[in-house]
Amino acid sequence: MTIDWTESALADLIDVKAYIGKDSEYYGEQFIDWLISSVESLSDFPKLGRTIPELEMDTFREIIFHNYKIMYRTKKDCVSIFAIVHCKRLINEKIRKSWEIA
């Protein structure tokens, strides 16, 4: 399976890097490299993550990397990463609806 990053997920990735990079630019880059490596495992094991409880759909899943949820949707031949969200962040209705079209 291929890995596809939505524009929204890429923006989240940049935000995470900037946030962590405030303390250490080096660690910010390393963190993103490690996060991307964990995402790459989804190409071989797309059902590795659990179903996202808030979305209640089997095709929407998440893996946890440190304090971040990497949210993705499994499609026929593709895993689509649609969000990277801090674990403490609540998933509200507005965000949920925007992910339904991911």
N, C-alpha and C. Protein backbone atom coordinates (compact mmCIF):
# COMPACT_ATOMS: atom_id res chain seq x y z
N MET A 1 0.84 -1.19 0.00
CA MET A 1 0.00 0.00 0.00
C MET A 1 0.88 1.25 0.00
N THR A 2 0.35 2.27 -0.62
CA THR A 2 1.07 3.54 -0.61
C THR A 2 0.59 4.40 0.56
N ILE A 3 1.42 5.33 0.95
CA ILE A 3 1.08 6.29 2.01
C ILE A 3 0.83 7.63 1.35
N ASP A 4 -0.32 8.22 1.63
CA ASP A 4 -0.69 9.53 1.09
C ASP A 4 -0.90 10.49 2.26
N TRP A 5 -0.28 11.65 2.19
CA TRP A 5 -0.43 12.68 3.22
C TRP A 5 -1.35 13.77 2.68
N THR A 6 -2.43 14.07 3.39
CA THR A 6 -3.29 15.19 2.98
C THR A 6 -2.58 16.50 3.32
N GLU A 7 -3.04 17.58 2.70
CA GLU A 7 -2.47 18.89 2.99
C GLU A 7 -2.63 19.24 4.46
N SER A 8 -3.76 18.87 5.01
CA SER A 8 -4.02 19.14 6.42
C SER A 8 -3.03 18.40 7.32
N ALA A 9 -2.74 17.16 7.01
CA ALA A 9 -1.78 16.37 7.79
C ALA A 9 -0.37 16.94 7.66
N LEU A 10 -0.02 17.38 6.47
CA LEU A 10 1.31 18.00 6.28
C LEU A 10 1.42 19.29 7.08
N ALA A 11 0.33 20.05 7.13
CA ALA A 11 0.32 21.28 7.94
C ALA A 11 0.48 20.93 9.42
N ASP A 12 -0.19 19.86 9.86
CA ASP A 12 -0.04 19.41 11.25
C ASP A 12 1.40 19.02 11.53
N LEU A 13 2.02 18.34 10.59
CA LEU A 13 3.41 17.90 10.73
C LEU A 13 4.34 19.12 10.92
N ILE A 14 4.12 20.14 10.13
CA ILE A 14 4.92 21.37 10.24
C ILE A 14 4.70 22.03 11.60
N ASP A 15 3.44 22.05 12.06
CA ASP A 15 3.13 22.65 13.36
C ASP A 15 3.80 21.90 14.50
N VAL A 16 3.78 20.57 14.44
CA VAL A 16 4.41 19.75 15.48
C VAL A 16 5.92 20.02 15.49
N LYS A 17 6.51 20.04 14.31
CA LYS A 17 7.95 20.30 14.21
C LYS A 17 8.30 21.67 14.80
N ALA A 18 7.50 22.68 14.49
CA ALA A 18 7.75 24.03 15.00
C ALA A 18 7.60 24.06 16.52
N TYR A 19 6.59 23.39 17.03
CA TYR A 19 6.36 23.39 18.48
C TYR A 19 7.51 22.71 19.22
N ILE A 20 7.89 21.54 18.78
CA ILE A 20 8.99 20.81 19.43
C ILE A 20 10.31 21.52 19.17
N GLY A 21 10.45 22.10 18.01
CA GLY A 21 11.67 22.81 17.64
C GLY A 21 11.94 24.06 18.45
N LYS A 22 10.92 24.56 19.18
CA LYS A 22 11.14 25.73 20.03
C LYS A 22 12.21 25.45 21.07
N ASP A 23 12.20 24.25 21.61
CA ASP A 23 13.18 23.87 22.63
C ASP A 23 14.48 23.39 22.01
N SER A 24 14.35 22.65 20.90
CA SER A 24 15.54 22.11 20.25
C SER A 24 15.24 21.84 18.79
N GLU A 25 15.86 22.61 17.92
CA GLU A 25 15.63 22.42 16.48
C GLU A 25 16.03 21.01 16.06
N TYR A 26 17.13 20.53 16.61
CA TYR A 26 17.61 19.18 16.30
C TYR A 26 16.57 18.14 16.70
N TYR A 27 16.07 18.22 17.93
CA TYR A 27 15.09 17.25 18.40
C TYR A 27 13.78 17.37 17.61
N GLY A 28 13.41 18.58 17.23
CA GLY A 28 12.21 18.76 16.42
C GLY A 28 12.31 17.99 15.11
N GLU A 29 13.47 18.07 14.46
CA GLU A 29 13.68 17.34 13.20
C GLU A 29 13.73 15.83 13.45
N GLN A 30 14.41 15.41 14.51
CA GLN A 30 14.48 13.99 14.84
C GLN A 30 13.10 13.42 15.14
N PHE A 31 12.31 14.17 15.89
CA PHE A 31 10.97 13.73 16.25
C PHE A 31 10.14 13.48 14.99
N ILE A 32 10.20 14.41 14.06
CA ILE A 32 9.45 14.26 12.81
C ILE A 32 9.96 13.06 12.01
N ASP A 33 11.26 12.86 11.96
CA ASP A 33 11.82 11.69 11.27
C ASP A 33 11.29 10.39 11.88
N TRP A 34 11.27 10.34 13.22
CA TRP A 34 10.77 9.13 13.90
C TRP A 34 9.27 8.94 13.66
N LEU A 35 8.53 10.05 13.67
CA LEU A 35 7.09 9.98 13.43
C LEU A 35 6.83 9.44 12.02
N ILE A 36 7.53 9.96 11.04
CA ILE A 36 7.36 9.51 9.66
C ILE A 36 7.73 8.04 9.53
N SER A 37 8.77 7.60 10.22
CA SER A 37 9.15 6.18 10.19
C SER A 37 8.04 5.30 10.74
N SER A 38 7.38 5.76 11.80
CA SER A 38 6.29 4.97 12.34
C SER A 38 5.11 4.91 11.37
N VAL A 39 4.87 6.00 10.64
CA VAL A 39 3.81 6.02 9.63
C VAL A 39 4.13 5.05 8.49
N GLU A 40 5.38 4.96 8.11
CA GLU A 40 5.76 4.09 6.99
C GLU A 40 5.44 2.62 7.25
N SER A 41 5.38 2.22 8.51
CA SER A 41 5.01 0.83 8.82
C SER A 41 3.58 0.51 8.41
N LEU A 42 2.76 1.54 8.24
CA LEU A 42 1.37 1.33 7.83
C LEU A 42 1.25 0.81 6.40
N SER A 43 2.26 1.01 5.58
CA SER A 43 2.19 0.50 4.21
C SER A 43 2.14 -1.03 4.20
N ASP A 44 2.80 -1.65 5.17
CA ASP A 44 2.76 -3.12 5.28
C ASP A 44 1.66 -3.61 6.21
N PHE A 45 1.31 -2.79 7.19
CA PHE A 45 0.32 -3.19 8.20
C PHE A 45 -0.73 -2.09 8.37
N PRO A 46 -1.62 -1.90 7.40
CA PRO A 46 -2.56 -0.78 7.44
C PRO A 46 -3.56 -0.84 8.60
N LYS A 47 -3.79 -2.03 9.14
CA LYS A 47 -4.72 -2.13 10.26
C LYS A 47 -4.00 -2.17 11.60
N LEU A 48 -2.75 -1.71 11.61
CA LEU A 48 -1.95 -1.68 12.83
C LEU A 48 -2.62 -0.83 13.91
N GLY A 49 -3.17 0.29 13.53
CA GLY A 49 -3.79 1.20 14.49
C GLY A 49 -5.19 0.76 14.88
N ARG A 50 -5.65 1.35 15.97
CA ARG A 50 -7.01 1.04 16.43
C ARG A 50 -8.02 1.91 15.68
N THR A 51 -9.26 1.48 15.67
CA THR A 51 -10.34 2.28 15.11
C THR A 51 -10.48 3.53 15.98
N ILE A 52 -10.69 4.67 15.37
CA ILE A 52 -10.84 5.92 16.12
C ILE A 52 -12.21 5.92 16.78
N PRO A 53 -12.26 5.88 18.12
CA PRO A 53 -13.55 5.78 18.81
C PRO A 53 -14.52 6.91 18.47
N GLU A 54 -14.01 8.13 18.33
CA GLU A 54 -14.87 9.29 18.07
C GLU A 54 -15.51 9.26 16.69
N LEU A 55 -14.91 8.56 15.75
CA LEU A 55 -15.42 8.56 14.37
C LEU A 55 -16.29 7.35 14.06
N GLU A 56 -16.15 6.29 14.85
CA GLU A 56 -17.02 5.11 14.76
C GLU A 56 -17.12 4.53 13.34
N MET A 57 -16.01 4.51 12.62
CA MET A 57 -15.98 3.90 11.30
C MET A 57 -14.72 3.07 11.19
N ASP A 58 -14.83 1.86 10.67
CA ASP A 58 -13.70 0.93 10.63
C ASP A 58 -12.56 1.41 9.74
N THR A 59 -12.84 2.22 8.75
CA THR A 59 -11.77 2.66 7.84
C THR A 59 -10.95 3.81 8.41
N PHE A 60 -11.41 4.41 9.50
CA PHE A 60 -10.68 5.49 10.16
C PHE A 60 -9.95 4.93 11.36
N ARG A 61 -8.62 5.06 11.36
CA ARG A 61 -7.80 4.46 12.41
C ARG A 61 -6.78 5.46 12.92
N GLU A 62 -6.11 5.09 14.01
CA GLU A 62 -5.07 5.95 14.56
C GLU A 62 -3.98 5.10 15.21
N ILE A 63 -2.76 5.61 15.11
CA ILE A 63 -1.66 5.06 15.88
C ILE A 63 -1.18 6.17 16.79
N ILE A 64 -0.67 5.79 17.94
CA ILE A 64 -0.16 6.78 18.89
C ILE A 64 1.35 6.80 18.79
N PHE A 65 1.89 8.00 18.64
CA PHE A 65 3.34 8.19 18.63
C PHE A 65 3.65 9.26 19.66
N HIS A 66 4.29 8.86 20.75
CA HIS A 66 4.53 9.74 21.90
C HIS A 66 3.20 10.34 22.33
N ASN A 67 3.04 11.63 22.31
CA ASN A 67 1.78 12.26 22.74
C ASN A 67 0.89 12.66 21.57
N TYR A 68 1.11 12.07 20.42
CA TYR A 68 0.36 12.46 19.23
C TYR A 68 -0.39 11.28 18.62
N LYS A 69 -1.62 11.57 18.19
CA LYS A 69 -2.40 10.60 17.44
C LYS A 69 -2.16 10.86 15.96
N ILE A 70 -1.76 9.84 15.26
CA ILE A 70 -1.61 9.94 13.81
C ILE A 70 -2.86 9.27 13.24
N MET A 71 -3.73 10.08 12.68
CA MET A 71 -5.03 9.59 12.21
C MET A 71 -4.98 9.35 10.72
N TYR A 72 -5.54 8.21 10.33
CA TYR A 72 -5.49 7.85 8.92
C TYR A 72 -6.74 7.09 8.50
N ARG A 73 -6.90 7.01 7.21
CA ARG A 73 -8.03 6.29 6.62
C ARG A 73 -7.46 5.24 5.68
N THR A 74 -7.96 4.03 5.81
CA THR A 74 -7.54 2.98 4.89
C THR A 74 -8.47 2.98 3.69
N LYS A 75 -7.86 2.94 2.53
CA LYS A 75 -8.60 2.86 1.28
C LYS A 75 -8.13 1.61 0.55
N LYS A 76 -8.62 1.38 -0.64
CA LYS A 76 -8.31 0.14 -1.37
C LYS A 76 -6.82 -0.16 -1.45
N ASP A 77 -6.04 0.73 -2.01
CA ASP A 77 -4.59 0.52 -2.17
C ASP A 77 -3.76 1.61 -1.50
N CYS A 78 -4.36 2.31 -0.55
CA CYS A 78 -3.70 3.50 0.00
C CYS A 78 -4.06 3.69 1.47
N VAL A 79 -3.10 4.20 2.20
CA VAL A 79 -3.34 4.68 3.56
C VAL A 79 -3.22 6.19 3.49
N SER A 80 -4.27 6.89 3.85
CA SER A 80 -4.29 8.35 3.76
C SER A 80 -4.19 8.95 5.16
N ILE A 81 -3.07 9.61 5.42
CA ILE A 81 -2.86 10.28 6.70
C ILE A 81 -3.61 11.61 6.63
N PHE A 82 -4.56 11.82 7.55
CA PHE A 82 -5.35 13.04 7.45
C PHE A 82 -5.20 13.99 8.63
N ALA A 83 -4.55 13.55 9.72
CA ALA A 83 -4.36 14.47 10.84
C ALA A 83 -3.30 13.94 11.81
N ILE A 84 -2.63 14.87 12.45
CA ILE A 84 -1.74 14.57 13.56
C ILE A 84 -2.21 15.47 14.69
N VAL A 85 -2.71 14.85 15.75
CA VAL A 85 -3.38 15.59 16.81
C VAL A 85 -2.76 15.23 18.15
N HIS A 86 -2.52 16.22 18.99
CA HIS A 86 -2.02 15.95 20.35
C HIS A 86 -3.08 15.15 21.10
N CYS A 87 -2.66 14.19 21.88
CA CYS A 87 -3.59 13.29 22.58
C CYS A 87 -4.55 14.02 23.52
N LYS A 88 -4.16 15.17 24.02
CA LYS A 88 -5.03 15.91 24.94
C LYS A 88 -6.11 16.72 24.21
N ARG A 89 -5.98 16.84 22.92
CA ARG A 89 -6.94 17.64 22.14
C ARG A 89 -8.23 16.85 21.95
N LEU A 90 -9.35 17.53 22.15
CA LEU A 90 -10.64 16.91 21.94
C LEU A 90 -11.00 16.98 20.46
N ILE A 91 -11.68 15.95 19.99
CA ILE A 91 -12.12 15.92 18.60
C ILE A 91 -13.56 16.43 18.57
N ASN A 92 -13.74 17.63 18.06
CA ASN A 92 -15.09 18.19 18.03
C ASN A 92 -15.79 17.91 16.69
N GLU A 93 -17.05 18.25 16.63
CA GLU A 93 -17.88 17.94 15.45
C GLU A 93 -17.34 18.60 14.18
N LYS A 94 -16.90 19.85 14.28
CA LYS A 94 -16.39 20.55 13.10
C LYS A 94 -15.18 19.82 12.51
N ILE A 95 -14.25 19.42 13.37
CA ILE A 95 -13.07 18.70 12.90
C ILE A 95 -13.48 17.34 12.33
N ARG A 96 -14.38 16.66 13.00
CA ARG A 96 -14.83 15.34 12.55
C ARG A 96 -15.41 15.43 11.14
N LYS A 97 -16.23 16.42 10.87
CA LYS A 97 -16.83 16.56 9.53
C LYS A 97 -15.77 16.84 8.47
N SER A 98 -14.75 17.62 8.80
CA SER A 98 -13.71 17.91 7.81
C SER A 98 -12.92 16.66 7.47
N TRP A 99 -12.82 15.71 8.40
CA TRP A 99 -12.06 14.48 8.15
C TRP A 99 -12.86 13.48 7.32
N GLU A 100 -14.17 13.61 7.30
CA GLU A 100 -14.99 12.66 6.55
C GLU A 100 -14.71 12.72 5.06
N ILE A 101 -14.18 13.83 4.58
CA ILE A 101 -13.89 13.94 3.15
C ILE A 101 -12.43 13.65 2.83
N ALA A 102 -11.65 13.35 3.88
CA ALA A 102 -10.22 13.09 3.67
C ALA A 102 -10.01 11.87 2.81
